[in-house]
């Protein structure tokens, strides 16, 4: 397995974690810090992370495919 394959796998794992977090928030899980509900911030961060990982994965897969 090449370096790009490992990087792609890592990005996919992180994306899956962000999706899992977002699912938890959508089912009513709440996160508090100092008695303040920070769930909306975490939801936005998870959504943004998913988009970023989608972009990174697509670029790595495209480059990896061209390099082969």
Foldseek 3Di string as FASTA:
>chain_A
DDPLVVVLVVLVVVLVVLVVLLVCVVVPDFDDDPNHTCSVVSNVVSVVSNVVSVVVNVVSVVVVVVVD
